[in-house]
Amino acid sequence: MIEHLARAAAVSGTAAAATRAVYAGLRRRRRTSWERVNHAGRPVSLYAGPAVAAGTALGALGAAAPRERGAAVLAVLAGAACGAYDDRRGDHRRGFRAHLGALRHGEVTSGAVKLFGIGAAGLAVGALLKERPLDRLLAGVVVAGAAHAVNLVDVRPGRAALAVLALGAPGVVRGGPLAAAPMGAAAAVLGDDLGERTMLGDLGAHALGAALGVAVAEGNGRLGLALHAAAFIAAAVNGESVSRLARSPM
């Protein structure tokens, strides 16, 4: 147990240090295209997004076996890329129902791009992590579902980062250091996020969520995968309700 926790601490520390370094570098090279207005009308930056993506990917490199490292990096990069697209072209709609409904009417939303892009990446990650076809499918759903779930709660300062810390902690305690990478990255920007100086954006939320999904998929057998997949699908289907709950005062 002590050895596992020490390894998780090293992974978390690496992710946090890399996140802070990237975040500081981006702040020095301030660009208006990376600035937004938050829910309260305050100007904030999106620098936390690429920072946590880079930190999580670097932290994951020291977290597991080569196949698992590859799965984590793939998930983070895919989540970050799809999230970055949504940061640029996104709209207010949340959840499967809204985006699939728009697709039925011939409108390809940024959410639909994320749904299929992250879904495809999740299936690729599942193929890396699991041997049997059903387990691969379930793992893919977990990775994609976790990415979308973290993004659903990213509607107020600190909500997504706190969700990653809460959801990742049980995996670390059970001896899975892979979850420590997104936890360390999220913790590194939590103060600035809560202080409304920056936000994760879709880029950061999806990257953190996808990495968390890899940790969940790697640490569970078929029953655990099925339960997590069902929970994430339910959250996605009821996306507006989940986001509304996350807007409630803490």
C-alpha atoms as a PDB file:
ATOM      1  CA  MET A   1       0.000   0.000   0.000  1.00  0.00           C
ATOM      2  CA  ILE A   2       2.759   2.449   0.953  1.00  0.00           C
ATOM      3  CA  GLU A   3       4.580   1.712  -2.288  1.00  0.00           C
ATOM      4  CA  HIS A   4       1.421   2.312  -4.334  1.00  0.00           C
ATOM      5  CA  LEU A   5       0.696   5.586  -2.560  1.00  0.00           C
ATOM      6  CA  ALA A   6       4.294   6.739  -3.017  1.00  0.00           C
ATOM      7  CA  ARG A   7       4.079   6.018  -6.736  1.00  0.00           C
ATOM      8  CA  ALA A   8       0.761   7.822  -6.974  1.00  0.00           C
ATOM      9  CA  ALA A   9       2.263  10.804  -5.156  1.00  0.00           C
ATOM     10  CA  ALA A  10       5.151  10.883  -7.646  1.00  0.00           C
ATOM     11  CA  VAL A  11       2.762  10.722 -10.602  1.00  0.00           C
ATOM     12  CA  SER A  12       0.546  13.427  -9.110  1.00  0.00           C
ATOM     13  CA  GLY A  13       3.536  15.644  -8.345  1.00  0.00           C
ATOM     14  CA  THR A  14       4.872  15.289 -11.891  1.00  0.00           C
ATOM     15  CA  ALA A  15       1.487  16.140 -13.381  1.00  0.00           C
ATOM     16  CA  ALA A  16       1.047  19.128 -11.063  1.00  0.00           C
ATOM     17  CA  ALA A  17       4.520  20.512 -11.741  1.00  0.00           C
ATOM     18  CA  ALA A  18       4.144  20.146 -15.509  1.00  0.00           C
ATOM     19  CA  THR A  19       0.705  21.756 -15.384  1.00  0.00           C
ATOM     20  CA  ARG A  20       1.956  24.763 -13.434  1.00  0.00           C
ATOM     21  CA  ALA A  21       4.933  25.180 -15.772  1.00  0.00           C
ATOM     22  CA  VAL A  22       2.773  25.144 -18.903  1.00  0.00           C
ATOM     23  CA  TYR A  23       0.173  27.388 -17.297  1.00  0.00           C
ATOM     24  CA  ALA A  24       2.802  29.950 -16.275  1.00  0.00           C
ATOM     25  CA  GLY A  25       4.322  29.893 -19.752  1.00  0.00           C
ATOM     26  CA  LEU A  26       0.974  30.484 -21.423  1.00  0.00           C
ATOM     27  CA  ARG A  27       0.158  33.353 -19.078  1.00  0.00           C
ATOM     28  CA  ARG A  28       3.400  35.076 -20.030  1.00  0.00           C
ATOM     29  CA  ARG A  29       2.432  34.819 -23.710  1.00  0.00           C
ATOM     30  CA  ARG A  30      -1.027  36.257 -23.201  1.00  0.00           C
ATOM     31  CA  ARG A  31      -3.311  36.091 -26.249  1.00  0.00           C
ATOM     32  CA  THR A  32      -6.798  37.510 -26.561  1.00  0.00           C
ATOM     33  CA  SER A  33      -7.989  34.449 -28.489  1.00  0.00           C
ATOM     34  CA  TRP A  34      -7.542  32.438 -25.273  1.00  0.00           C
ATOM     35  CA  GLU A  35      -9.702  34.736 -23.173  1.00  0.00           C
ATOM     36  CA  ARG A  36     -13.390  34.370 -22.380  1.00  0.00           C
ATOM     37  CA  VAL A  37     -16.087  35.871 -20.169  1.00  0.00           C
ATOM     38  CA  ASN A  38     -17.353  33.502 -17.480  1.00  0.00           C
ATOM     39  CA  HIS A  39     -20.849  32.997 -16.090  1.00  0.00           C
ATOM     40  CA  ALA A  40     -20.475  36.038 -13.822  1.00  0.00           C
ATOM     41  CA  GLY A  41     -19.315  38.333 -16.611  1.00  0.00           C
ATOM     42  CA  ARG A  42     -15.667  38.322 -15.494  1.00  0.00           C
ATOM     43  CA  PRO A  43     -12.810  37.972 -17.990  1.00  0.00           C
ATOM     44  CA  VAL A  44     -10.899  34.715 -17.577  1.00  0.00           C
ATOM     45  CA  SER A  45      -8.314  32.811 -19.586  1.00  0.00           C
ATOM     46  CA  LEU A  46      -8.536  29.321 -21.060  1.00  0.00           C
ATOM     47  CA  TYR A  47      -4.893  28.590 -20.234  1.00  0.00           C
ATOM     48  CA  ALA A  48      -5.812  25.991 -17.635  1.00  0.00           C
ATOM     49  CA  GLY A  49      -7.121  23.735 -20.411  1.00  0.00           C
ATOM     50  CA  PRO A  50      -3.908  23.071 -22.367  1.00  0.00           C
ATOM     51  CA  ALA A  51      -1.960  23.145 -19.110  1.00  0.00           C
ATOM     52  CA  VAL A  52      -3.897  20.298 -17.500  1.00  0.00           C
ATOM     53  CA  ALA A  53      -3.857  18.307 -20.753  1.00  0.00           C
ATOM     54  CA  ALA A  54      -0.061  18.540 -20.962  1.00  0.00           C
ATOM     55  CA  GLY A  55       0.384  17.857 -17.255  1.00  0.00           C
ATOM     56  CA  THR A  56      -1.921  14.845 -17.280  1.00  0.00           C
ATOM     57  CA  ALA A  57      -0.210  13.310 -20.304  1.00  0.00           C
ATOM     58  CA  LEU A  58       3.257  13.771 -18.805  1.00  0.00           C
ATOM     59  CA  GLY A  59       2.168  12.464 -15.427  1.00  0.00           C
ATOM     60  CA  ALA A  60       0.580   9.383 -16.989  1.00  0.00           C
ATOM     61  CA  LEU A  61       3.896   8.436 -18.600  1.00  0.00           C
ATOM     62  CA  GLY A  62       5.183   7.378 -15.201  1.00  0.00           C
ATOM     63  CA  ALA A  63       1.994   5.768 -13.991  1.00  0.00           C
ATOM     64  CA  ALA A  64       1.697   2.354 -15.576  1.00  0.00           C
ATOM     65  CA  ALA A  65       2.837  -0.262 -18.072  1.00  0.00           C
ATOM     66  CA  PRO A  66       3.574   0.836 -21.674  1.00  0.00           C
ATOM     67  CA  ARG A  67       0.166  -0.220 -22.999  1.00  0.00           C
ATOM     68  CA  GLU A  68      -1.622   1.677 -20.255  1.00  0.00           C
ATOM     69  CA  ARG A  69       0.579   4.737 -20.745  1.00  0.00           C
ATOM     70  CA  GLY A  70      -0.255   4.699 -24.444  1.00  0.00           C
ATOM     71  CA  ALA A  71      -3.966   4.416 -23.666  1.00  0.00           C
ATOM     72  CA  ALA A  72      -3.830   7.353 -21.256  1.00  0.00           C
ATOM     73  CA  VAL A  73      -1.912   9.625 -23.620  1.00  0.00           C
ATOM     74  CA  LEU A  74      -4.226   8.748 -26.527  1.00  0.00           C
ATOM     75  CA  ALA A  75      -7.308   9.498 -24.437  1.00  0.00           C
ATOM     76  CA  VAL A  76      -5.923  12.812 -23.184  1.00  0.00           C
ATOM     77  CA  LEU A  77      -4.884  13.992 -26.651  1.00  0.00           C
ATOM     78  CA  ALA A  78      -8.206  12.997 -28.219  1.00  0.00           C
ATOM     79  CA  GLY A  79     -10.188  14.642 -25.427  1.00  0.00           C
ATOM     80  CA  ALA A  80      -8.089  17.790 -25.669  1.00  0.00           C
ATOM     81  CA  ALA A  81      -8.395  18.006 -29.465  1.00  0.00           C
ATOM     82  CA  CYS A  82     -12.172  17.531 -29.494  1.00  0.00           C
ATOM     83  CA  GLY A  83     -12.557  19.896 -26.555  1.00  0.00           C
ATOM     84  CA  ALA A  84     -10.449  22.563 -28.269  1.00  0.00           C
ATOM     85  CA  TYR A  85     -12.731  22.341 -31.292  1.00  0.00           C
ATOM     86  CA  ASP A  86     -15.751  22.898 -29.061  1.00  0.00           C
ATOM     87  CA  ASP A  87     -14.061  25.820 -27.295  1.00  0.00           C
ATOM     88  CA  ARG A  88     -13.765  27.484 -30.692  1.00  0.00           C
ATOM     89  CA  ARG A  89     -17.079  26.486 -32.268  1.00  0.00           C
ATOM     90  CA  GLY A  90     -19.240  25.299 -29.403  1.00  0.00           C
ATOM     91  CA  ASP A  91     -22.781  26.197 -28.398  1.00  0.00           C
ATOM     92  CA  HIS A  92     -24.786  26.076 -25.177  1.00  0.00           C
ATOM     93  CA  ARG A  93     -26.424  22.677 -25.686  1.00  0.00           C
ATOM     94  CA  ARG A  94     -25.414  19.845 -23.355  1.00  0.00           C
ATOM     95  CA  GLY A  95     -26.126  16.116 -23.305  1.00  0.00           C
ATOM     96  CA  PHE A  96     -26.727  13.397 -25.892  1.00  0.00           C
ATOM     97  CA  ARG A  97     -30.360  14.306 -26.440  1.00  0.00           C
ATOM     98  CA  ALA A  98     -29.651  17.869 -27.520  1.00  0.00           C
ATOM     99  CA  HIS A  99     -26.857  17.063 -29.931  1.00  0.00           C
ATOM    100  CA  LEU A 100     -28.392  13.933 -31.423  1.00  0.00           C
ATOM    101  CA  GLY A 101     -31.659  15.813 -31.820  1.00  0.00           C
ATOM    102  CA  ALA A 102     -29.858  18.514 -33.787  1.00  0.00           C
ATOM    103  CA  LEU A 103     -28.142  15.843 -35.870  1.00  0.00           C
ATOM    104  CA  ARG A 104     -31.518  14.351 -36.815  1.00  0.00           C
ATOM    105  CA  HIS A 105     -32.418  17.739 -38.263  1.00  0.00           C
ATOM    106  CA  GLY A 106     -29.229  17.905 -40.311  1.00  0.00           C
ATOM    107  CA  GLU A 107     -27.233  20.120 -37.951  1.00  0.00           C
ATOM    108  CA  VAL A 108     -23.768  18.835 -37.033  1.00  0.00           C
ATOM    109  CA  THR A 109     -23.037  20.506 -33.698  1.00  0.00           C
ATOM    110  CA  SER A 110     -19.660  20.722 -32.028  1.00  0.00           C
ATOM    111  CA  GLY A 111     -21.103  18.380 -29.413  1.00  0.00           C
ATOM    112  CA  ALA A 112     -21.765  15.760 -32.079  1.00  0.00           C
ATOM    113  CA  VAL A 113     -18.163  16.095 -33.257  1.00  0.00           C
ATOM    114  CA  LYS A 114     -17.020  15.507 -29.692  1.00  0.00           C
ATOM    115  CA  LEU A 115     -19.414  12.607 -29.230  1.00  0.00           C
ATOM    116  CA  PHE A 116     -18.112  10.683 -32.222  1.00  0.00           C
ATOM    117  CA  GLY A 117     -14.502  11.825 -31.953  1.00  0.00           C
ATOM    118  CA  ILE A 118     -14.061  10.971 -28.292  1.00  0.00           C
ATOM    119  CA  GLY A 119     -16.204   7.861 -28.752  1.00  0.00           C
ATOM    120  CA  ALA A 120     -13.868   6.562 -31.473  1.00  0.00           C
ATOM    121  CA  ALA A 121     -10.836   7.330 -29.321  1.00  0.00           C
ATOM    122  CA  GLY A 122     -12.491   5.547 -26.399  1.00  0.00           C
ATOM    123  CA  LEU A 123     -12.937   2.399 -28.452  1.00  0.00           C
ATOM    124  CA  ALA A 124      -9.268   2.548 -29.471  1.00  0.00           C
ATOM    125  CA  VAL A 125      -8.292   2.931 -25.830  1.00  0.00           C
ATOM    126  CA  GLY A 126     -10.531   0.012 -24.879  1.00  0.00           C
ATOM    127  CA  ALA A 127      -8.739  -2.153 -27.439  1.00  0.00           C
ATOM    128  CA  LEU A 128      -5.429  -1.283 -25.790  1.00  0.00           C
ATOM    129  CA  LEU A 129      -6.599  -2.001 -22.255  1.00  0.00           C
ATOM    130  CA  LYS A 130      -8.759  -5.112 -22.578  1.00  0.00           C
ATOM    131  CA  GLU A 131      -8.612  -8.470 -24.349  1.00  0.00           C
ATOM    132  CA  ARG A 132     -12.243  -9.502 -24.872  1.00  0.00           C
ATOM    133  CA  PRO A 133     -14.532  -7.648 -27.302  1.00  0.00           C
ATOM    134  CA  LEU A 134     -17.263  -6.862 -24.765  1.00  0.00           C
ATOM    135  CA  ASP A 135     -14.736  -5.582 -22.244  1.00  0.00           C
ATOM    136  CA  ARG A 136     -13.164  -3.406 -24.931  1.00  0.00           C
ATOM    137  CA  LEU A 137     -16.542  -1.936 -25.794  1.00  0.00           C
ATOM    138  CA  LEU A 138     -17.403  -1.245 -22.158  1.00  0.00           C
ATOM    139  CA  ALA A 139     -13.987   0.303 -21.542  1.00  0.00           C
ATOM    140  CA  GLY A 140     -14.494   2.570 -24.539  1.00  0.00           C
ATOM    141  CA  VAL A 141     -17.854   3.715 -23.203  1.00  0.00           C
ATOM    142  CA  VAL A 142     -16.297   4.403 -19.800  1.00  0.00           C
ATOM    143  CA  VAL A 143     -13.489   6.524 -21.256  1.00  0.00           C
ATOM    144  CA  ALA A 144     -15.796   8.549 -23.499  1.00  0.00           C
ATOM    145  CA  GLY A 145     -18.466   8.763 -20.801  1.00  0.00           C
ATOM    146  CA  ALA A 146     -16.029  10.036 -18.176  1.00  0.00           C
ATOM    147  CA  ALA A 147     -14.770  12.709 -20.571  1.00  0.00           C
ATOM    148  CA  HIS A 148     -18.312  13.939 -21.216  1.00  0.00           C
ATOM    149  CA  ALA A 149     -19.337  13.692 -17.554  1.00  0.00           C
ATOM    150  CA  VAL A 150     -16.515  15.935 -16.317  1.00  0.00           C
ATOM    151  CA  ASN A 151     -17.364  18.441 -19.033  1.00  0.00           C
ATOM    152  CA  LEU A 152     -21.033  18.434 -17.992  1.00  0.00           C
ATOM    153  CA  VAL A 153     -20.164  19.734 -14.523  1.00  0.00           C
ATOM    154  CA  ASP A 154     -17.743  22.369 -15.810  1.00  0.00           C
ATOM    155  CA  VAL A 155     -20.347  25.126 -15.504  1.00  0.00           C
ATOM    156  CA  ARG A 156     -19.044  27.009 -12.464  1.00  0.00           C
ATOM    157  CA  PRO A 157     -15.534  27.737 -11.126  1.00  0.00           C
ATOM    158  CA  GLY A 158     -13.805  24.664  -9.719  1.00  0.00           C
ATOM    159  CA  ARG A 159     -16.661  22.205 -10.297  1.00  0.00           C
ATOM    160  CA  ALA A 160     -14.867  20.030 -12.869  1.00  0.00           C
ATOM    161  CA  ALA A 161     -11.534  20.022 -11.040  1.00  0.00           C
ATOM    162  CA  LEU A 162     -13.197  19.094  -7.763  1.00  0.00           C
ATOM    163  CA  ALA A 163     -15.136  16.327  -9.510  1.00  0.00           C
ATOM    164  CA  VAL A 164     -11.884  14.875 -10.863  1.00  0.00           C
ATOM    165  CA  LEU A 165     -10.334  14.925  -7.381  1.00  0.00           C
ATOM    166  CA  ALA A 166     -13.378  13.250  -5.833  1.00  0.00           C
ATOM    167  CA  LEU A 167     -13.811  10.599  -8.541  1.00  0.00           C
ATOM    168  CA  GLY A 168     -10.099   9.820  -8.831  1.00  0.00           C
ATOM    169  CA  ALA A 169      -9.383   9.367  -5.121  1.00  0.00           C
ATOM    170  CA  PRO A 170     -10.928   5.870  -4.745  1.00  0.00           C
ATOM    171  CA  GLY A 171      -8.807   4.539  -7.602  1.00  0.00           C
ATOM    172  CA  VAL A 172      -5.618   5.873  -6.043  1.00  0.00           C
ATOM    173  CA  VAL A 173      -6.533   4.389  -2.668  1.00  0.00           C
ATOM    174  CA  ARG A 174      -7.114   0.992  -4.322  1.00  0.00           C
ATOM    175  CA  GLY A 175      -3.571   1.094  -5.682  1.00  0.00           C
ATOM    176  CA  GLY A 176      -4.110   2.494  -9.177  1.00  0.00           C
ATOM    177  CA  PRO A 177      -1.650   5.362  -9.724  1.00  0.00           C
ATOM    178  CA  LEU A 178      -3.062   6.176 -13.174  1.00  0.00           C
ATOM    179  CA  ALA A 179      -5.827   8.299 -11.619  1.00  0.00           C
ATOM    180  CA  ALA A 180      -3.192  10.388  -9.851  1.00  0.00           C
ATOM    181  CA  ALA A 181      -2.199  12.103 -13.107  1.00  0.00           C
ATOM    182  CA  PRO A 182      -5.501  13.952 -13.748  1.00  0.00           C
ATOM    183  CA  MET A 183      -5.829  14.565 -10.007  1.00  0.00           C
ATOM    184  CA  GLY A 184      -2.443  16.271  -9.817  1.00  0.00           C
ATOM    185  CA  ALA A 185      -3.146  18.353 -12.902  1.00  0.00           C
ATOM    186  CA  ALA A 186      -6.579  19.401 -11.621  1.00  0.00           C
ATOM    187  CA  ALA A 187      -5.196  20.330  -8.201  1.00  0.00           C
ATOM    188  CA  ALA A 188      -2.501  22.485  -9.811  1.00  0.00           C
ATOM    189  CA  VAL A 189      -5.031  24.910 -11.320  1.00  0.00           C
ATOM    190  CA  LEU A 190      -7.828  24.590  -8.774  1.00  0.00           C
ATOM    191  CA  GLY A 191      -6.930  27.801  -6.949  1.00  0.00           C
ATOM    192  CA  ASP A 192      -6.886  29.865 -10.125  1.00  0.00           C
ATOM    193  CA  ASP A 193     -10.091  28.200 -11.303  1.00  0.00           C
ATOM    194  CA  LEU A 194     -11.922  28.926  -8.044  1.00  0.00           C
ATOM    195  CA  GLY A 195     -10.473  32.438  -8.058  1.00  0.00           C
ATOM    196  CA  GLU A 196     -12.017  32.993 -11.510  1.00  0.00           C
ATOM    197  CA  ARG A 197      -8.687  33.805 -13.132  1.00  0.00           C
ATOM    198  CA  THR A 198      -8.877  30.895 -15.559  1.00  0.00           C
ATOM    199  CA  MET A 199     -11.145  28.069 -16.644  1.00  0.00           C
ATOM    200  CA  LEU A 200     -10.601  24.559 -17.946  1.00  0.00           C
ATOM    201  CA  GLY A 201     -12.850  24.962 -20.952  1.00  0.00           C
ATOM    202  CA  ASP A 202     -13.906  21.930 -22.947  1.00  0.00           C
ATOM    203  CA  LEU A 203     -10.266  21.221 -23.774  1.00  0.00           C
ATOM    204  CA  GLY A 204      -9.246  20.779 -20.152  1.00  0.00           C
ATOM    205  CA  ALA A 205     -12.439  19.148 -18.913  1.00  0.00           C
ATOM    206  CA  HIS A 206     -12.445  16.508 -21.639  1.00  0.00           C
ATOM    207  CA  ALA A 207      -8.730  15.794 -21.239  1.00  0.00           C
ATOM    208  CA  LEU A 208      -9.064  15.313 -17.479  1.00  0.00           C
ATOM    209  CA  GLY A 209     -12.232  13.253 -17.813  1.00  0.00           C
ATOM    210  CA  ALA A 210     -10.783  10.989 -20.489  1.00  0.00           C
ATOM    211  CA  ALA A 211      -7.705  10.293 -18.364  1.00  0.00           C
ATOM    212  CA  LEU A 212      -9.929   9.549 -15.397  1.00  0.00           C
ATOM    213  CA  GLY A 213     -11.936   7.167 -17.590  1.00  0.00           C
ATOM    214  CA  VAL A 214      -8.761   5.294 -18.545  1.00  0.00           C
ATOM    215  CA  ALA A 215      -7.939   4.858 -14.866  1.00  0.00           C
ATOM    216  CA  VAL A 216     -11.437   3.531 -14.169  1.00  0.00           C
ATOM    217  CA  ALA A 217     -11.360   1.189 -17.165  1.00  0.00           C
ATOM    218  CA  GLU A 218      -7.915  -0.126 -16.313  1.00  0.00           C
ATOM    219  CA  GLY A 219      -8.834  -0.866 -12.702  1.00  0.00           C
ATOM    220  CA  ASN A 220     -12.169  -2.646 -13.220  1.00  0.00           C
ATOM    221  CA  GLY A 221     -13.388  -5.981 -14.496  1.00  0.00           C
ATOM    222  CA  ARG A 222     -16.531  -6.532 -16.543  1.00  0.00           C
ATOM    223  CA  LEU A 223     -19.041  -5.861 -13.772  1.00  0.00           C
ATOM    224  CA  GLY A 224     -17.318  -2.661 -12.703  1.00  0.00           C
ATOM    225  CA  LEU A 225     -17.030  -1.529 -16.308  1.00  0.00           C
ATOM    226  CA  ALA A 226     -20.727  -2.177 -16.906  1.00  0.00           C
ATOM    227  CA  LEU A 227     -21.775  -0.246 -13.794  1.00  0.00           C
ATOM    228  CA  HIS A 228     -19.581   2.727 -14.611  1.00  0.00           C
ATOM    229  CA  ALA A 229     -20.679   2.701 -18.256  1.00  0.00           C
ATOM    230  CA  ALA A 230     -24.338   2.736 -17.211  1.00  0.00           C
ATOM    231  CA  ALA A 231     -23.741   5.634 -14.830  1.00  0.00           C
ATOM    232  CA  PHE A 232     -21.911   7.705 -17.444  1.00  0.00           C
ATOM    233  CA  ILE A 233     -24.558   7.029 -20.089  1.00  0.00           C
ATOM    234  CA  ALA A 234     -27.283   8.102 -17.668  1.00  0.00           C
ATOM    235  CA  ALA A 235     -25.367  11.317 -16.938  1.00  0.00           C
ATOM    236  CA  ALA A 236     -24.956  12.039 -20.643  1.00  0.00           C
ATOM    237  CA  VAL A 237     -28.606  11.393 -21.472  1.00  0.00           C
ATOM    238  CA  ASN A 238     -29.634  13.744 -18.670  1.00  0.00           C
ATOM    239  CA  GLY A 239     -26.921  16.278 -19.417  1.00  0.00           C
ATOM    240  CA  GLU A 240     -28.995  19.385 -18.755  1.00  0.00           C
ATOM    241  CA  SER A 241     -30.072  18.096 -15.357  1.00  0.00           C
ATOM    242  CA  VAL A 242     -26.498  17.225 -14.386  1.00  0.00           C
ATOM    243  CA  SER A 243     -25.250  20.653 -15.460  1.00  0.00           C
ATOM    244  CA  ARG A 244     -28.107  22.360 -13.607  1.00  0.00           C
ATOM    245  CA  LEU A 245     -27.192  20.495 -10.430  1.00  0.00           C
ATOM    246  CA  ALA A 246     -23.544  21.502 -10.827  1.00  0.00           C
ATOM    247  CA  ARG A 247     -24.606  25.163 -11.007  1.00  0.00           C
ATOM    248  CA  SER A 248     -26.016  24.974  -7.477  1.00  0.00           C
ATOM    249  CA  PRO A 249     -24.024  26.835  -4.795  1.00  0.00           C
ATOM    250  CA  MET A 250     -21.468  24.705  -2.987  1.00  0.00           C
END
